[in-house]
């Protein structure tokens, strides 16, 4: 099952980013708030697809505030048919900074090799370049279903399991 967003490909990236702003906020509200699209950094030389203010008072996002600079949650969206590769992982980690935050989410359409994707994210953490995980369409649908059922503990467990893969 796929999300009903524009088909994969660069030409539709702006439309899918617009949709992802609302989907991610809906899943993680009230923890992630004040989304900003196309946040410019480095005097406009680079941009972040979406940033969220981390306002969590409990759960996973509150937990990471004690372990990772995470006032801002940095989100990159890749509307590609194929799995994100090292350049996409490096792009997200390149948006991290001690003040901005060192935690991010890469949203993509599909991950066919989950083990390799997990290792790429773990490599970034092991190199002390920040913490990230990847959410694909299936993850997003699962999280939306949990949100629909008001299963915040399920959402937190899901996120904590992804985080645990980065630190173990």
N, C-alpha and C. Protein backbone atom coordinates (compact mmCIF):
# COMPACT_ATOMS: atom_id res chain seq x y z
N UNK A 1 0.84 -1.18 0.00
CA UNK A 1 0.00 0.00 0.00
C UNK A 1 0.88 1.24 0.00
N UNK A 2 0.54 2.22 -0.82
CA UNK A 2 1.30 3.46 -0.94
C UNK A 2 0.45 4.62 -0.47
N UNK A 3 1.10 5.69 -0.05
CA UNK A 3 0.39 6.92 0.27
C UNK A 3 -0.14 7.52 -1.01
N UNK A 4 -1.23 8.21 -0.93
CA UNK A 4 -1.82 8.84 -2.09
C UNK A 4 -1.21 10.23 -2.29
N UNK A 5 0.06 10.24 -2.66
CA UNK A 5 0.74 11.49 -2.96
C UNK A 5 1.26 11.39 -4.38
N UNK A 6 1.74 12.51 -4.91
CA UNK A 6 2.20 12.48 -6.30
C UNK A 6 3.17 11.34 -6.55
N UNK A 7 3.21 10.84 -7.77
CA UNK A 7 4.10 9.72 -8.09
C UNK A 7 5.56 10.11 -7.87
N UNK A 8 6.40 9.12 -7.65
CA UNK A 8 7.82 9.41 -7.45
C UNK A 8 8.43 10.15 -8.63
N UNK A 9 9.38 11.00 -8.31
CA UNK A 9 10.10 11.74 -9.33
C UNK A 9 10.33 13.16 -8.90
N UNK A 10 11.42 13.75 -9.34
CA UNK A 10 11.80 15.10 -8.93
C UNK A 10 10.77 16.16 -9.27
N UNK A 11 10.08 16.02 -10.40
CA UNK A 11 9.15 17.06 -10.83
C UNK A 11 8.00 17.26 -9.83
N UNK A 12 7.66 16.23 -9.10
CA UNK A 12 6.54 16.32 -8.17
C UNK A 12 7.01 16.54 -6.73
N UNK A 13 8.27 16.84 -6.53
CA UNK A 13 8.81 16.92 -5.18
C UNK A 13 8.16 18.02 -4.35
N UNK A 14 7.92 19.19 -4.92
CA UNK A 14 7.32 20.29 -4.16
C UNK A 14 5.93 19.90 -3.67
N UNK A 15 5.11 19.29 -4.52
CA UNK A 15 3.78 18.88 -4.10
C UNK A 15 3.83 17.84 -2.99
N UNK A 16 4.74 16.88 -3.10
CA UNK A 16 4.82 15.87 -2.05
C UNK A 16 5.36 16.48 -0.76
N UNK A 17 6.28 17.44 -0.84
CA UNK A 17 6.76 18.11 0.37
C UNK A 17 5.62 18.84 1.07
N UNK A 18 4.78 19.52 0.29
CA UNK A 18 3.63 20.22 0.88
C UNK A 18 2.74 19.26 1.64
N UNK A 19 2.47 18.12 1.06
CA UNK A 19 1.63 17.12 1.71
C UNK A 19 2.32 16.55 2.95
N UNK A 20 3.61 16.29 2.87
CA UNK A 20 4.32 15.71 4.00
C UNK A 20 4.36 16.64 5.20
N UNK A 21 4.38 17.96 4.97
CA UNK A 21 4.33 18.90 6.09
C UNK A 21 3.14 18.58 6.98
N UNK A 22 1.97 18.45 6.37
CA UNK A 22 0.76 18.18 7.13
C UNK A 22 0.71 16.78 7.72
N UNK A 23 1.17 15.80 6.97
CA UNK A 23 1.13 14.42 7.45
C UNK A 23 2.01 14.25 8.68
N UNK A 24 3.23 14.78 8.61
CA UNK A 24 4.15 14.62 9.74
C UNK A 24 3.63 15.39 10.95
N UNK A 25 3.11 16.59 10.72
CA UNK A 25 2.57 17.36 11.84
C UNK A 25 1.37 16.64 12.45
N UNK A 26 0.51 16.06 11.61
CA UNK A 26 -0.66 15.34 12.13
C UNK A 26 -0.24 14.15 12.99
N UNK A 27 0.76 13.43 12.57
CA UNK A 27 1.22 12.26 13.32
C UNK A 27 1.84 12.68 14.66
N UNK A 28 2.69 13.68 14.63
CA UNK A 28 3.50 13.99 15.80
C UNK A 28 3.02 15.18 16.62
N UNK A 29 1.92 15.82 16.23
CA UNK A 29 1.36 16.91 17.04
C UNK A 29 0.86 16.35 18.36
N UNK A 30 1.06 17.00 19.48
CA UNK A 30 1.58 18.35 19.71
C UNK A 30 3.09 18.40 19.97
N UNK A 31 3.79 17.30 19.71
CA UNK A 31 5.24 17.29 19.96
C UNK A 31 6.02 18.10 18.94
N UNK A 32 5.67 17.96 17.68
CA UNK A 32 6.33 18.72 16.62
C UNK A 32 5.35 19.76 16.09
N UNK A 33 5.75 21.02 16.18
CA UNK A 33 4.86 22.12 15.80
C UNK A 33 5.61 23.13 14.94
N UNK A 34 4.88 24.11 14.45
CA UNK A 34 5.41 25.23 13.67
C UNK A 34 6.28 24.74 12.51
N UNK A 35 5.69 23.99 11.59
CA UNK A 35 6.48 23.54 10.44
C UNK A 35 6.85 24.71 9.53
N UNK A 36 8.06 24.64 9.02
CA UNK A 36 8.51 25.64 8.05
C UNK A 36 9.10 24.91 6.87
N UNK A 37 8.58 25.24 5.69
CA UNK A 37 9.08 24.63 4.45
C UNK A 37 10.22 25.47 3.90
N UNK A 38 11.13 24.76 3.24
CA UNK A 38 12.22 25.42 2.52
C UNK A 38 12.98 26.39 3.43
N UNK A 39 13.30 25.94 4.61
CA UNK A 39 14.06 26.75 5.58
C UNK A 39 15.46 26.99 5.03
N UNK A 40 15.83 28.23 4.86
CA UNK A 40 17.14 28.58 4.30
C UNK A 40 18.18 28.63 5.41
N UNK A 41 19.36 28.06 5.13
CA UNK A 41 20.48 28.12 6.06
C UNK A 41 21.73 28.53 5.28
N UNK A 42 22.78 28.85 6.01
CA UNK A 42 24.05 29.25 5.40
C UNK A 42 23.85 30.40 4.40
N UNK A 43 23.19 31.45 4.88
CA UNK A 43 22.92 32.64 4.05
C UNK A 43 22.21 32.30 2.74
N UNK A 44 21.33 31.30 2.80
CA UNK A 44 20.53 30.94 1.64
C UNK A 44 21.21 29.98 0.67
N UNK A 45 22.42 29.56 0.96
CA UNK A 45 23.12 28.66 0.05
C UNK A 45 22.58 27.24 0.12
N UNK A 46 21.94 26.89 1.23
CA UNK A 46 21.35 25.56 1.41
C UNK A 46 19.95 25.74 1.96
N UNK A 47 19.15 24.68 1.82
CA UNK A 47 17.81 24.73 2.38
C UNK A 47 17.47 23.37 2.99
N UNK A 48 16.56 23.43 3.95
CA UNK A 48 16.04 22.23 4.59
C UNK A 48 14.60 22.12 4.14
N UNK A 49 14.20 20.93 3.67
CA UNK A 49 12.84 20.76 3.16
C UNK A 49 11.80 21.21 4.17
N UNK A 50 11.86 20.67 5.39
CA UNK A 50 10.89 21.02 6.43
C UNK A 50 11.59 21.01 7.78
N UNK A 51 11.32 22.01 8.59
CA UNK A 51 11.76 21.99 9.98
C UNK A 51 10.52 22.05 10.87
N UNK A 52 10.63 21.43 12.04
CA UNK A 52 9.58 21.47 13.06
C UNK A 52 10.23 21.88 14.37
N UNK A 53 9.50 22.64 15.14
CA UNK A 53 9.94 22.97 16.50
C UNK A 53 9.58 21.79 17.40
N UNK A 54 10.54 21.32 18.18
CA UNK A 54 10.31 20.22 19.10
C UNK A 54 9.75 20.79 20.41
N UNK A 55 8.44 20.64 20.61
CA UNK A 55 7.76 21.16 21.80
C UNK A 55 7.33 20.04 22.73
N UNK A 56 7.93 18.86 22.58
CA UNK A 56 7.49 17.68 23.34
C UNK A 56 7.68 17.86 24.84
N UNK A 57 6.67 17.43 25.56
CA UNK A 57 6.72 17.42 27.02
C UNK A 57 6.74 16.00 27.56
N UNK A 58 6.60 15.03 26.65
CA UNK A 58 6.71 13.62 27.02
C UNK A 58 6.95 12.80 25.76
N UNK A 59 7.17 11.52 25.94
CA UNK A 59 7.34 10.62 24.81
C UNK A 59 8.72 10.69 24.19
N UNK A 60 8.81 10.12 22.99
CA UNK A 60 10.09 9.99 22.30
C UNK A 60 10.79 11.32 22.08
N UNK A 61 10.08 12.31 21.56
CA UNK A 61 10.73 13.58 21.24
C UNK A 61 11.19 14.32 22.49
N UNK A 62 10.51 14.15 23.61
CA UNK A 62 10.99 14.71 24.87
C UNK A 62 12.23 13.95 25.32
N UNK A 63 12.20 12.64 25.19
CA UNK A 63 13.34 11.81 25.58
C UNK A 63 14.62 12.25 24.86
N UNK A 64 14.55 12.46 23.55
CA UNK A 64 15.78 12.78 22.82
C UNK A 64 16.33 14.15 23.19
N UNK A 65 15.49 15.06 23.73
CA UNK A 65 16.02 16.36 24.13
C UNK A 65 17.06 16.23 25.23
N UNK A 66 17.05 15.12 25.95
CA UNK A 66 18.03 14.89 27.02
C UNK A 66 19.31 14.24 26.52
N UNK A 67 19.33 13.84 25.25
CA UNK A 67 20.46 13.09 24.72
C UNK A 67 21.05 13.66 23.43
N UNK A 68 20.27 14.44 22.70
CA UNK A 68 20.68 14.95 21.40
C UNK A 68 20.20 16.40 21.28
N UNK A 69 21.02 17.31 20.77
CA UNK A 69 20.46 18.63 20.47
C UNK A 69 19.30 18.45 19.47
N UNK A 70 18.11 18.82 19.89
CA UNK A 70 16.94 18.52 19.04
C UNK A 70 15.82 19.54 19.21
N UNK A 71 16.18 20.80 19.38
CA UNK A 71 15.15 21.84 19.45
C UNK A 71 14.42 21.94 18.11
N UNK A 72 15.14 21.69 17.05
CA UNK A 72 14.56 21.68 15.70
C UNK A 72 14.71 20.27 15.15
N UNK A 73 13.61 19.75 14.62
CA UNK A 73 13.66 18.44 13.96
C UNK A 73 13.75 18.72 12.46
N UNK A 74 14.83 18.26 11.88
CA UNK A 74 15.14 18.53 10.48
C UNK A 74 14.61 17.38 9.64
N UNK A 75 13.84 17.72 8.62
CA UNK A 75 13.19 16.70 7.80
C UNK A 75 13.50 16.94 6.33
N UNK A 76 13.95 15.91 5.67
CA UNK A 76 14.17 15.94 4.22
C UNK A 76 13.24 14.93 3.58
N UNK A 77 12.69 15.30 2.44
CA UNK A 77 11.73 14.46 1.73
C UNK A 77 12.31 14.07 0.38
N UNK A 78 12.28 12.79 0.08
CA UNK A 78 12.78 12.28 -1.20
C UNK A 78 11.68 11.47 -1.87
N UNK A 79 11.15 12.02 -2.91
CA UNK A 79 10.06 11.39 -3.65
C UNK A 79 10.63 10.59 -4.82
N UNK A 80 11.50 9.63 -4.48
CA UNK A 80 12.18 8.81 -5.48
C UNK A 80 11.59 7.41 -5.50
N UNK A 81 11.69 6.75 -6.63
CA UNK A 81 11.28 5.35 -6.72
C UNK A 81 12.26 4.43 -6.02
N UNK A 82 13.55 4.76 -6.09
CA UNK A 82 14.57 3.90 -5.50
C UNK A 82 14.87 4.32 -4.06
N UNK A 83 15.54 3.44 -3.34
CA UNK A 83 15.94 3.74 -1.96
C UNK A 83 16.87 4.96 -1.93
N UNK A 84 16.74 5.79 -0.91
CA UNK A 84 17.75 6.84 -0.72
C UNK A 84 19.11 6.18 -0.51
N UNK A 85 20.14 6.85 -0.98
CA UNK A 85 21.50 6.31 -0.88
C UNK A 85 22.36 7.25 -0.03
N UNK A 86 23.65 7.03 -0.05
CA UNK A 86 24.56 7.83 0.77
C UNK A 86 24.43 9.34 0.55
N UNK A 87 24.30 9.84 -0.69
CA UNK A 87 24.19 11.30 -0.85
C UNK A 87 22.98 11.90 -0.12
N UNK A 88 21.87 11.17 -0.09
CA UNK A 88 20.68 11.67 0.60
C UNK A 88 20.88 11.64 2.13
N UNK A 89 21.53 10.59 2.61
CA UNK A 89 21.86 10.50 4.04
C UNK A 89 22.82 11.64 4.40
N UNK A 90 23.85 11.84 3.57
CA UNK A 90 24.83 12.89 3.83
C UNK A 90 24.19 14.28 3.74
N UNK A 91 23.23 14.45 2.85
CA UNK A 91 22.55 15.75 2.75
C UNK A 91 21.85 16.07 4.06
N UNK A 92 21.12 15.10 4.61
CA UNK A 92 20.42 15.34 5.86
C UNK A 92 21.41 15.62 6.99
N UNK A 93 22.44 14.81 7.12
CA UNK A 93 23.41 15.04 8.21
C UNK A 93 24.13 16.37 8.03
N UNK A 94 24.26 16.83 6.80
CA UNK A 94 24.88 18.12 6.53
C UNK A 94 24.03 19.30 6.97
N UNK A 95 22.78 19.06 7.29
CA UNK A 95 21.89 20.13 7.78
C UNK A 95 21.94 20.25 9.30
N UNK A 96 22.58 19.27 9.96
CA UNK A 96 22.67 19.29 11.41
C UNK A 96 23.69 20.30 11.90
N UNK A 97 23.45 20.83 13.07
CA UNK A 97 24.42 21.67 13.77
C UNK A 97 24.08 21.65 15.25
N UNK A 98 25.04 21.99 16.11
CA UNK A 98 24.75 21.98 17.55
C UNK A 98 23.59 22.89 17.94
N UNK A 99 23.46 24.04 17.32
CA UNK A 99 22.35 24.95 17.66
C UNK A 99 21.05 24.58 16.97
N UNK A 100 21.14 24.19 15.72
CA UNK A 100 19.94 23.85 14.95
C UNK A 100 19.36 22.52 15.41
N UNK A 101 20.22 21.59 15.66
CA UNK A 101 19.79 20.27 16.08
C UNK A 101 20.59 19.21 15.35
N UNK A 102 20.62 18.03 15.94
CA UNK A 102 21.36 16.92 15.37
C UNK A 102 20.49 15.68 15.27
N UNK A 103 19.18 15.93 15.03
CA UNK A 103 18.25 14.83 14.84
C UNK A 103 17.38 15.15 13.63
N UNK A 104 17.21 14.15 12.77
CA UNK A 104 16.40 14.37 11.59
C UNK A 104 15.69 13.13 11.11
N UNK A 105 14.76 13.38 10.22
CA UNK A 105 13.97 12.32 9.61
C UNK A 105 14.07 12.47 8.10
N UNK A 106 14.38 11.38 7.44
CA UNK A 106 14.35 11.33 5.98
C UNK A 106 13.09 10.58 5.59
N UNK A 107 12.20 11.26 4.89
CA UNK A 107 10.96 10.65 4.43
C UNK A 107 11.14 10.28 2.97
N UNK A 108 10.80 9.03 2.65
CA UNK A 108 10.93 8.58 1.28
C UNK A 108 9.77 7.66 0.93
N UNK A 109 9.69 7.26 -0.31
CA UNK A 109 8.57 6.45 -0.78
C UNK A 109 8.71 4.98 -0.41
N UNK A 110 9.94 4.46 -0.48
CA UNK A 110 10.11 3.02 -0.33
C UNK A 110 11.53 2.72 0.13
N UNK A 111 11.65 1.72 1.00
CA UNK A 111 12.96 1.19 1.38
C UNK A 111 12.92 -0.30 1.12
N UNK A 112 13.69 -0.74 0.13
CA UNK A 112 13.69 -2.16 -0.20
C UNK A 112 14.73 -2.93 0.61
N UNK A 113 15.82 -2.27 1.00
CA UNK A 113 16.86 -2.91 1.78
C UNK A 113 16.95 -2.21 3.14
N UNK A 114 16.06 -2.60 4.05
CA UNK A 114 15.97 -1.94 5.36
C UNK A 114 17.25 -2.09 6.16
N UNK A 115 17.88 -3.24 6.06
CA UNK A 115 19.13 -3.48 6.80
C UNK A 115 20.22 -2.49 6.38
N UNK A 116 20.38 -2.29 5.07
CA UNK A 116 21.37 -1.34 4.57
C UNK A 116 21.00 0.08 4.99
N UNK A 117 19.72 0.43 4.92
CA UNK A 117 19.29 1.77 5.31
C UNK A 117 19.58 2.02 6.78
N UNK A 118 19.26 1.04 7.62
CA UNK A 118 19.53 1.17 9.05
C UNK A 118 21.03 1.35 9.29
N UNK A 119 21.86 0.61 8.54
CA UNK A 119 23.31 0.72 8.72
C UNK A 119 23.81 2.09 8.28
N UNK A 120 23.26 2.64 7.20
CA UNK A 120 23.66 3.98 6.76
C UNK A 120 23.35 5.01 7.84
N UNK A 121 22.18 4.90 8.44
CA UNK A 121 21.82 5.84 9.51
C UNK A 121 22.70 5.63 10.74
N UNK A 122 22.99 4.39 11.06
CA UNK A 122 23.86 4.07 12.20
C UNK A 122 25.28 4.59 11.95
N UNK A 123 25.76 4.49 10.72
CA UNK A 123 27.09 5.01 10.39
C UNK A 123 27.18 6.50 10.72
N UNK A 124 26.14 7.23 10.39
CA UNK A 124 26.11 8.66 10.68
C UNK A 124 26.19 8.90 12.18
N UNK A 125 25.42 8.14 12.95
CA UNK A 125 25.46 8.28 14.41
C UNK A 125 26.82 7.87 14.96
N UNK A 126 27.36 6.76 14.47
CA UNK A 126 28.66 6.28 14.95
C UNK A 126 29.78 7.27 14.66
N UNK A 127 29.65 8.01 13.57
CA UNK A 127 30.64 9.03 13.21
C UNK A 127 30.38 10.37 13.92
N UNK A 128 29.39 10.37 14.83
CA UNK A 128 29.00 11.55 15.60
C UNK A 128 28.60 12.74 14.73
N UNK A 129 27.93 12.42 13.61
CA UNK A 129 27.42 13.47 12.72
C UNK A 129 25.94 13.72 12.93
N UNK A 130 25.33 13.03 13.88
CA UNK A 130 23.92 13.23 14.19
C UNK A 130 23.15 11.94 14.10
N UNK A 131 21.88 12.05 14.42
CA UNK A 131 20.98 10.90 14.48
C UNK A 131 19.82 11.12 13.53
N UNK A 132 19.51 10.07 12.78
CA UNK A 132 18.40 10.17 11.84
C UNK A 132 17.82 8.79 11.63
N UNK A 133 16.58 8.79 11.20
CA UNK A 133 16.02 7.56 10.67
C UNK A 133 15.14 7.88 9.49
N UNK A 134 14.84 6.83 8.77
CA UNK A 134 14.10 6.94 7.52
C UNK A 134 12.69 6.41 7.74
N UNK A 135 11.72 7.16 7.25
CA UNK A 135 10.32 6.72 7.24
C UNK A 135 9.86 6.62 5.80
N UNK A 136 9.40 5.43 5.41
CA UNK A 136 8.87 5.27 4.06
C UNK A 136 7.34 5.25 4.11
N UNK A 137 6.70 5.06 2.96
CA UNK A 137 5.24 5.08 2.89
C UNK A 137 4.61 4.12 3.90
N UNK A 138 5.17 2.92 4.01
CA UNK A 138 4.60 1.93 4.93
C UNK A 138 4.69 2.40 6.38
N UNK A 139 5.82 3.00 6.74
CA UNK A 139 5.98 3.53 8.10
C UNK A 139 4.96 4.65 8.35
N UNK A 140 4.83 5.54 7.39
CA UNK A 140 3.90 6.67 7.54
C UNK A 140 2.47 6.16 7.70
N UNK A 141 2.08 5.18 6.88
CA UNK A 141 0.73 4.62 7.00
C UNK A 141 0.52 3.97 8.37
N UNK A 142 1.53 3.25 8.84
CA UNK A 142 1.44 2.62 10.16
C UNK A 142 1.29 3.67 11.25
N UNK A 143 2.08 4.74 11.17
CA UNK A 143 2.01 5.81 12.17
C UNK A 143 0.67 6.55 12.10
N UNK A 144 0.17 6.78 10.90
CA UNK A 144 -1.15 7.42 10.76
C UNK A 144 -2.25 6.57 11.38
N UNK A 145 -2.16 5.27 11.19
CA UNK A 145 -3.16 4.38 11.78
C UNK A 145 -3.09 4.43 13.32
N UNK A 146 -1.87 4.44 13.85
CA UNK A 146 -1.73 4.55 15.30
C UNK A 146 -2.29 5.88 15.81
N UNK A 147 -2.03 6.96 15.08
CA UNK A 147 -2.53 8.27 15.48
C UNK A 147 -4.06 8.27 15.46
N UNK A 148 -4.63 7.69 14.42
CA UNK A 148 -6.10 7.59 14.29
C UNK A 148 -6.70 6.88 15.49
N UNK A 149 -6.00 5.90 16.03
CA UNK A 149 -6.46 5.13 17.18
C UNK A 149 -6.01 5.75 18.51
N UNK A 150 -5.43 6.96 18.45
CA UNK A 150 -4.89 7.64 19.64
C UNK A 150 -3.89 6.77 20.39
N UNK A 151 -3.10 6.02 19.62
CA UNK A 151 -2.11 5.10 20.20
C UNK A 151 -0.75 5.80 20.28
N UNK A 152 -0.66 6.82 21.13
CA UNK A 152 0.60 7.55 21.28
C UNK A 152 1.71 6.66 21.82
N UNK A 153 1.38 5.71 22.69
CA UNK A 153 2.42 4.82 23.20
C UNK A 153 2.97 3.94 22.08
N UNK A 154 2.12 3.54 21.14
CA UNK A 154 2.59 2.77 19.98
C UNK A 154 3.51 3.59 19.09
N UNK A 155 3.17 4.87 18.90
CA UNK A 155 4.02 5.77 18.11
C UNK A 155 5.37 5.93 18.80
N UNK A 156 5.35 6.15 20.11
CA UNK A 156 6.61 6.32 20.84
C UNK A 156 7.45 5.05 20.80
N UNK A 157 6.82 3.90 20.92
CA UNK A 157 7.55 2.63 20.85
C UNK A 157 8.17 2.45 19.47
N UNK A 158 7.40 2.75 18.41
CA UNK A 158 7.89 2.66 17.04
C UNK A 158 9.15 3.51 16.87
N UNK A 159 9.09 4.78 17.33
CA UNK A 159 10.22 5.69 17.20
C UNK A 159 11.40 5.24 18.06
N UNK A 160 11.12 4.77 19.26
CA UNK A 160 12.20 4.33 20.15
C UNK A 160 12.92 3.11 19.56
N UNK A 161 12.19 2.22 18.91
CA UNK A 161 12.82 1.06 18.27
C UNK A 161 13.76 1.51 17.15
N UNK A 162 13.34 2.50 16.37
CA UNK A 162 14.22 3.02 15.31
C UNK A 162 15.46 3.67 15.93
N UNK A 163 15.26 4.43 17.00
CA UNK A 163 16.38 5.08 17.68
C UNK A 163 17.34 4.05 18.27
N UNK A 164 16.79 3.01 18.86
CA UNK A 164 17.62 1.98 19.48
C UNK A 164 18.57 1.34 18.46
N UNK A 165 18.12 1.20 17.22
CA UNK A 165 18.99 0.65 16.16
C UNK A 165 20.20 1.54 15.92
N UNK A 166 20.06 2.83 16.21
CA UNK A 166 21.17 3.77 15.98
C UNK A 166 22.21 3.71 17.08
N UNK A 167 21.79 3.35 18.27
CA UNK A 167 22.70 3.45 19.40
C UNK A 167 23.22 2.09 19.88
N UNK A 168 22.68 1.00 19.39
CA UNK A 168 23.09 -0.34 19.84
C UNK A 168 24.06 -0.96 18.84
